[in-house]
Amino acid sequence: MKPHAPAPRPNDGVLKGVALLQLGLALFAAVTERGSWPSASMMIVGALLMIFCAREKVNDERIEHLKLKAAKSGLLWGTLVVMLVRVVAMAINGGRRGSGEIPLAEMPLSAFDALGLVMAITLGCYYYWRWQDGRAERAS
């Protein structure tokens, strides 16, 4: 009996292309349709996740290690930035509680805004470190 072959994977270049198309559509929708930021931010986060999770042409342990390192760094720094935004918003709106308006400190960033920030930092770290790694290989 033959062992089952792994299921064929879609071309990851196509996956990155679809993600970039989705990112472009989300940015276009955010610019042209005013007030639709929640749906646009959800599309942006989905596109960034697809770009990050797509396999590379050479997907070895080194690439997986760089992705894990970037994910940890992005989560750490993104969380710190979100907390800093919250503290600054609370400091700015601290004395305006009696005005009857919902203060900015109640919700300075949505969950998708925070996740988008984390994914942007993660992708930036990953591609920067991959570029550095490739530069070191070429030098040696």
C-alpha atoms as a PDB file:
ATOM      1  CA  MET A   1       0.000   0.000   0.000  1.00  0.00           C
ATOM      2  CA  LYS A   2       1.367   3.404  -0.993  1.00  0.00           C
ATOM      3  CA  PRO A   3       1.554   6.153   1.581  1.00  0.00           C
ATOM      4  CA  HIS A   4      -0.643   9.104   0.794  1.00  0.00           C
ATOM      5  CA  ALA A   5       1.094  11.984  -0.871  1.00  0.00           C
ATOM      6  CA  PRO A   6       0.694  15.368   0.792  1.00  0.00           C
ATOM      7  CA  ALA A   7      -2.097  17.475  -0.593  1.00  0.00           C
ATOM      8  CA  PRO A   8      -0.896  19.898  -3.246  1.00  0.00           C
ATOM      9  CA  ARG A   9      -0.437  23.379  -1.855  1.00  0.00           C
ATOM     10  CA  PRO A  10      -1.575  26.449  -3.736  1.00  0.00           C
ATOM     11  CA  ASN A  11       1.184  28.545  -5.165  1.00  0.00           C
ATOM     12  CA  ASP A  12       2.310  30.835  -2.358  1.00  0.00           C
ATOM     13  CA  GLY A  13       3.251  33.534  -4.830  1.00  0.00           C
ATOM     14  CA  VAL A  14      -0.421  33.639  -5.788  1.00  0.00           C
ATOM     15  CA  LEU A  15      -1.336  33.847  -2.082  1.00  0.00           C
ATOM     16  CA  LYS A  16       0.933  36.872  -1.626  1.00  0.00           C
ATOM     17  CA  GLY A  17      -0.524  38.422  -4.779  1.00  0.00           C
ATOM     18  CA  VAL A  18      -4.075  37.959  -3.493  1.00  0.00           C
ATOM     19  CA  ALA A  19      -3.025  39.442  -0.150  1.00  0.00           C
ATOM     20  CA  LEU A  20      -1.505  42.494  -1.844  1.00  0.00           C
ATOM     21  CA  LEU A  21      -4.653  42.902  -3.946  1.00  0.00           C
ATOM     22  CA  GLN A  22      -6.773  42.689  -0.797  1.00  0.00           C
ATOM     23  CA  LEU A  23      -4.517  45.245   0.902  1.00  0.00           C
ATOM     24  CA  GLY A  24      -4.868  47.622  -2.040  1.00  0.00           C
ATOM     25  CA  LEU A  25      -8.648  47.217  -2.112  1.00  0.00           C
ATOM     26  CA  ALA A  26      -8.869  47.871   1.623  1.00  0.00           C
ATOM     27  CA  LEU A  27      -6.800  51.046   1.350  1.00  0.00           C
ATOM     28  CA  PHE A  28      -8.851  52.175  -1.651  1.00  0.00           C
ATOM     29  CA  ALA A  29     -12.084  51.537   0.271  1.00  0.00           C
ATOM     30  CA  ALA A  30     -10.769  53.420   3.301  1.00  0.00           C
ATOM     31  CA  VAL A  31      -9.884  56.440   1.165  1.00  0.00           C
ATOM     32  CA  THR A  32     -12.994  56.556  -1.032  1.00  0.00           C
ATOM     33  CA  GLU A  33     -15.692  55.495   1.441  1.00  0.00           C
ATOM     34  CA  ARG A  34     -15.545  57.679   4.497  1.00  0.00           C
ATOM     35  CA  GLY A  35     -16.462  56.031   7.763  1.00  0.00           C
ATOM     36  CA  SER A  36     -15.803  52.435   6.717  1.00  0.00           C
ATOM     37  CA  TRP A  37     -12.550  52.045   8.630  1.00  0.00           C
ATOM     38  CA  PRO A  38     -13.662  48.987  10.663  1.00  0.00           C
ATOM     39  CA  SER A  39     -14.185  46.857   7.561  1.00  0.00           C
ATOM     40  CA  ALA A  40     -11.045  48.225   5.907  1.00  0.00           C
ATOM     41  CA  SER A  41      -8.924  47.513   8.989  1.00  0.00           C
ATOM     42  CA  MET A  42     -10.238  43.934   9.066  1.00  0.00           C
ATOM     43  CA  MET A  43      -9.242  43.464   5.399  1.00  0.00           C
ATOM     44  CA  ILE A  44      -5.817  44.997   6.039  1.00  0.00           C
ATOM     45  CA  VAL A  45      -5.129  42.665   8.976  1.00  0.00           C
ATOM     46  CA  GLY A  46      -6.242  39.663   6.913  1.00  0.00           C
ATOM     47  CA  ALA A  47      -3.896  40.650   4.085  1.00  0.00           C
ATOM     48  CA  LEU A  48      -0.953  41.173   6.449  1.00  0.00           C
ATOM     49  CA  LEU A  49      -1.589  37.769   8.028  1.00  0.00           C
ATOM     50  CA  MET A  50      -1.687  36.105   4.599  1.00  0.00           C
ATOM     51  CA  ILE A  51       1.596  37.753   3.612  1.00  0.00           C
ATOM     52  CA  PHE A  52       3.268  36.666   6.851  1.00  0.00           C
ATOM     53  CA  CYS A  53       1.958  33.083   6.791  1.00  0.00           C
ATOM     54  CA  ALA A  54       2.726  32.379   3.130  1.00  0.00           C
ATOM     55  CA  ARG A  55       5.593  29.980   2.518  1.00  0.00           C
ATOM     56  CA  GLU A  56       8.801  31.324   1.074  1.00  0.00           C
ATOM     57  CA  LYS A  57      10.539  29.784  -1.957  1.00  0.00           C
ATOM     58  CA  VAL A  58      13.191  28.400   0.368  1.00  0.00           C
ATOM     59  CA  ASN A  59      11.360  27.570   3.585  1.00  0.00           C
ATOM     60  CA  ASP A  60      14.025  26.065   5.834  1.00  0.00           C
ATOM     61  CA  GLU A  61      14.662  26.215   9.584  1.00  0.00           C
ATOM     62  CA  ARG A  62      16.383  29.572   9.250  1.00  0.00           C
ATOM     63  CA  ILE A  63      13.272  31.157   7.707  1.00  0.00           C
ATOM     64  CA  GLU A  64      11.005  29.579  10.333  1.00  0.00           C
ATOM     65  CA  HIS A  65      13.339  30.861  13.070  1.00  0.00           C
ATOM     66  CA  LEU A  66      13.246  34.388  11.601  1.00  0.00           C
ATOM     67  CA  LYS A  67       9.438  34.271  11.427  1.00  0.00           C
ATOM     68  CA  LEU A  68       9.170  33.130  15.046  1.00  0.00           C
ATOM     69  CA  LYS A  69      11.638  35.805  16.174  1.00  0.00           C
ATOM     70  CA  ALA A  70       9.711  38.464  14.221  1.00  0.00           C
ATOM     71  CA  ALA A  71       6.365  37.295  15.648  1.00  0.00           C
ATOM     72  CA  LYS A  72       7.692  37.510  19.198  1.00  0.00           C
ATOM     73  CA  SER A  73       9.214  40.939  18.599  1.00  0.00           C
ATOM     74  CA  GLY A  74       6.111  42.254  16.852  1.00  0.00           C
ATOM     75  CA  LEU A  75       3.864  41.077  19.658  1.00  0.00           C
ATOM     76  CA  LEU A  76       6.092  42.640  22.308  1.00  0.00           C
ATOM     77  CA  TRP A  77       6.645  46.005  20.621  1.00  0.00           C
ATOM     78  CA  GLY A  78       3.101  46.229  19.262  1.00  0.00           C
ATOM     79  CA  THR A  79       1.640  45.629  22.711  1.00  0.00           C
ATOM     80  CA  LEU A  80       3.941  48.248  24.206  1.00  0.00           C
ATOM     81  CA  VAL A  81       2.916  50.813  21.570  1.00  0.00           C
ATOM     82  CA  VAL A  82      -0.797  50.065  22.116  1.00  0.00           C
ATOM     83  CA  MET A  83      -0.350  50.521  25.881  1.00  0.00           C
ATOM     84  CA  LEU A  84       1.538  53.776  25.272  1.00  0.00           C
ATOM     85  CA  VAL A  85      -1.260  55.059  23.023  1.00  0.00           C
ATOM     86  CA  ARG A  86      -3.770  54.187  25.749  1.00  0.00           C
ATOM     87  CA  VAL A  87      -1.756  56.024  28.432  1.00  0.00           C
ATOM     88  CA  VAL A  88      -1.306  59.117  26.237  1.00  0.00           C
ATOM     89  CA  ALA A  89      -5.020  59.144  25.367  1.00  0.00           C
ATOM     90  CA  MET A  90      -5.922  58.884  29.058  1.00  0.00           C
ATOM     91  CA  ALA A  91      -3.515  61.712  29.907  1.00  0.00           C
ATOM     92  CA  ILE A  92      -4.928  63.961  27.194  1.00  0.00           C
ATOM     93  CA  ASN A  93      -8.583  63.300  28.043  1.00  0.00           C
ATOM     94  CA  GLY A  94      -8.170  62.929  31.803  1.00  0.00           C
ATOM     95  CA  GLY A  95      -9.816  66.204  32.755  1.00  0.00           C
ATOM     96  CA  ARG A  96     -12.691  66.125  30.263  1.00  0.00           C
ATOM     97  CA  ARG A  97     -14.848  63.446  31.884  1.00  0.00           C
ATOM     98  CA  GLY A  98     -17.789  65.745  32.661  1.00  0.00           C
ATOM     99  CA  SER A  99     -18.400  66.942  29.079  1.00  0.00           C
ATOM    100  CA  GLY A 100     -20.894  64.155  28.227  1.00  0.00           C
ATOM    101  CA  GLU A 101     -18.827  62.841  25.324  1.00  0.00           C
ATOM    102  CA  ILE A 102     -17.257  59.405  25.165  1.00  0.00           C
ATOM    103  CA  PRO A 103     -13.602  60.120  25.867  1.00  0.00           C
ATOM    104  CA  LEU A 104     -10.934  58.935  23.485  1.00  0.00           C
ATOM    105  CA  ALA A 105      -9.332  57.011  26.348  1.00  0.00           C
ATOM    106  CA  GLU A 106     -12.269  54.589  26.391  1.00  0.00           C
ATOM    107  CA  MET A 107     -11.277  53.169  23.015  1.00  0.00           C
ATOM    108  CA  PRO A 108      -8.220  54.767  21.409  1.00  0.00           C
ATOM    109  CA  LEU A 109      -7.622  51.755  19.111  1.00  0.00           C
ATOM    110  CA  SER A 110      -9.890  48.941  18.030  1.00  0.00           C
ATOM    111  CA  ALA A 111      -8.757  45.334  18.254  1.00  0.00           C
ATOM    112  CA  PHE A 112      -8.078  45.216  14.514  1.00  0.00           C
ATOM    113  CA  ASP A 113      -6.085  48.445  14.719  1.00  0.00           C
ATOM    114  CA  ALA A 114      -3.913  46.900  17.428  1.00  0.00           C
ATOM    115  CA  LEU A 115      -3.538  43.648  15.484  1.00  0.00           C
ATOM    116  CA  GLY A 116      -2.656  45.606  12.352  1.00  0.00           C
ATOM    117  CA  LEU A 117       0.037  47.458  14.273  1.00  0.00           C
ATOM    118  CA  VAL A 118       1.426  44.176  15.628  1.00  0.00           C
ATOM    119  CA  MET A 119       1.433  42.598  12.146  1.00  0.00           C
ATOM    120  CA  ALA A 120       3.076  45.651  10.566  1.00  0.00           C
ATOM    121  CA  ILE A 121       5.881  45.525  13.142  1.00  0.00           C
ATOM    122  CA  THR A 122       6.173  41.748  12.693  1.00  0.00           C
ATOM    123  CA  LEU A 123       6.450  41.966   8.907  1.00  0.00           C
ATOM    124  CA  GLY A 124       8.896  44.847   9.128  1.00  0.00           C
ATOM    125  CA  CYS A 125      11.145  42.910  11.507  1.00  0.00           C
ATOM    126  CA  TYR A 126      10.923  39.725   9.435  1.00  0.00           C
ATOM    127  CA  TYR A 127      11.812  41.328   6.098  1.00  0.00           C
ATOM    128  CA  TYR A 128      14.559  43.465   7.641  1.00  0.00           C
ATOM    129  CA  TRP A 129      16.164  40.470   9.337  1.00  0.00           C
ATOM    130  CA  ARG A 130      15.801  38.348   6.194  1.00  0.00           C
ATOM    131  CA  TRP A 131      17.491  41.106   4.197  1.00  0.00           C
ATOM    132  CA  GLN A 132      20.306  41.269   6.781  1.00  0.00           C
ATOM    133  CA  ASP A 133      20.657  37.480   6.690  1.00  0.00           C
ATOM    134  CA  GLY A 134      20.922  37.463   2.896  1.00  0.00           C
ATOM    135  CA  ARG A 135      23.466  40.260   2.978  1.00  0.00           C
ATOM    136  CA  ALA A 136      25.620  38.325   5.460  1.00  0.00           C
ATOM    137  CA  GLU A 137      25.479  35.214   3.250  1.00  0.00           C
ATOM    138  CA  ARG A 138      26.597  37.151   0.178  1.00  0.00           C
ATOM    139  CA  ALA A 139      29.488  38.755   2.073  1.00  0.00           C
ATOM    140  CA  SER A 140      30.913  35.426   3.202  1.00  0.00           C
END
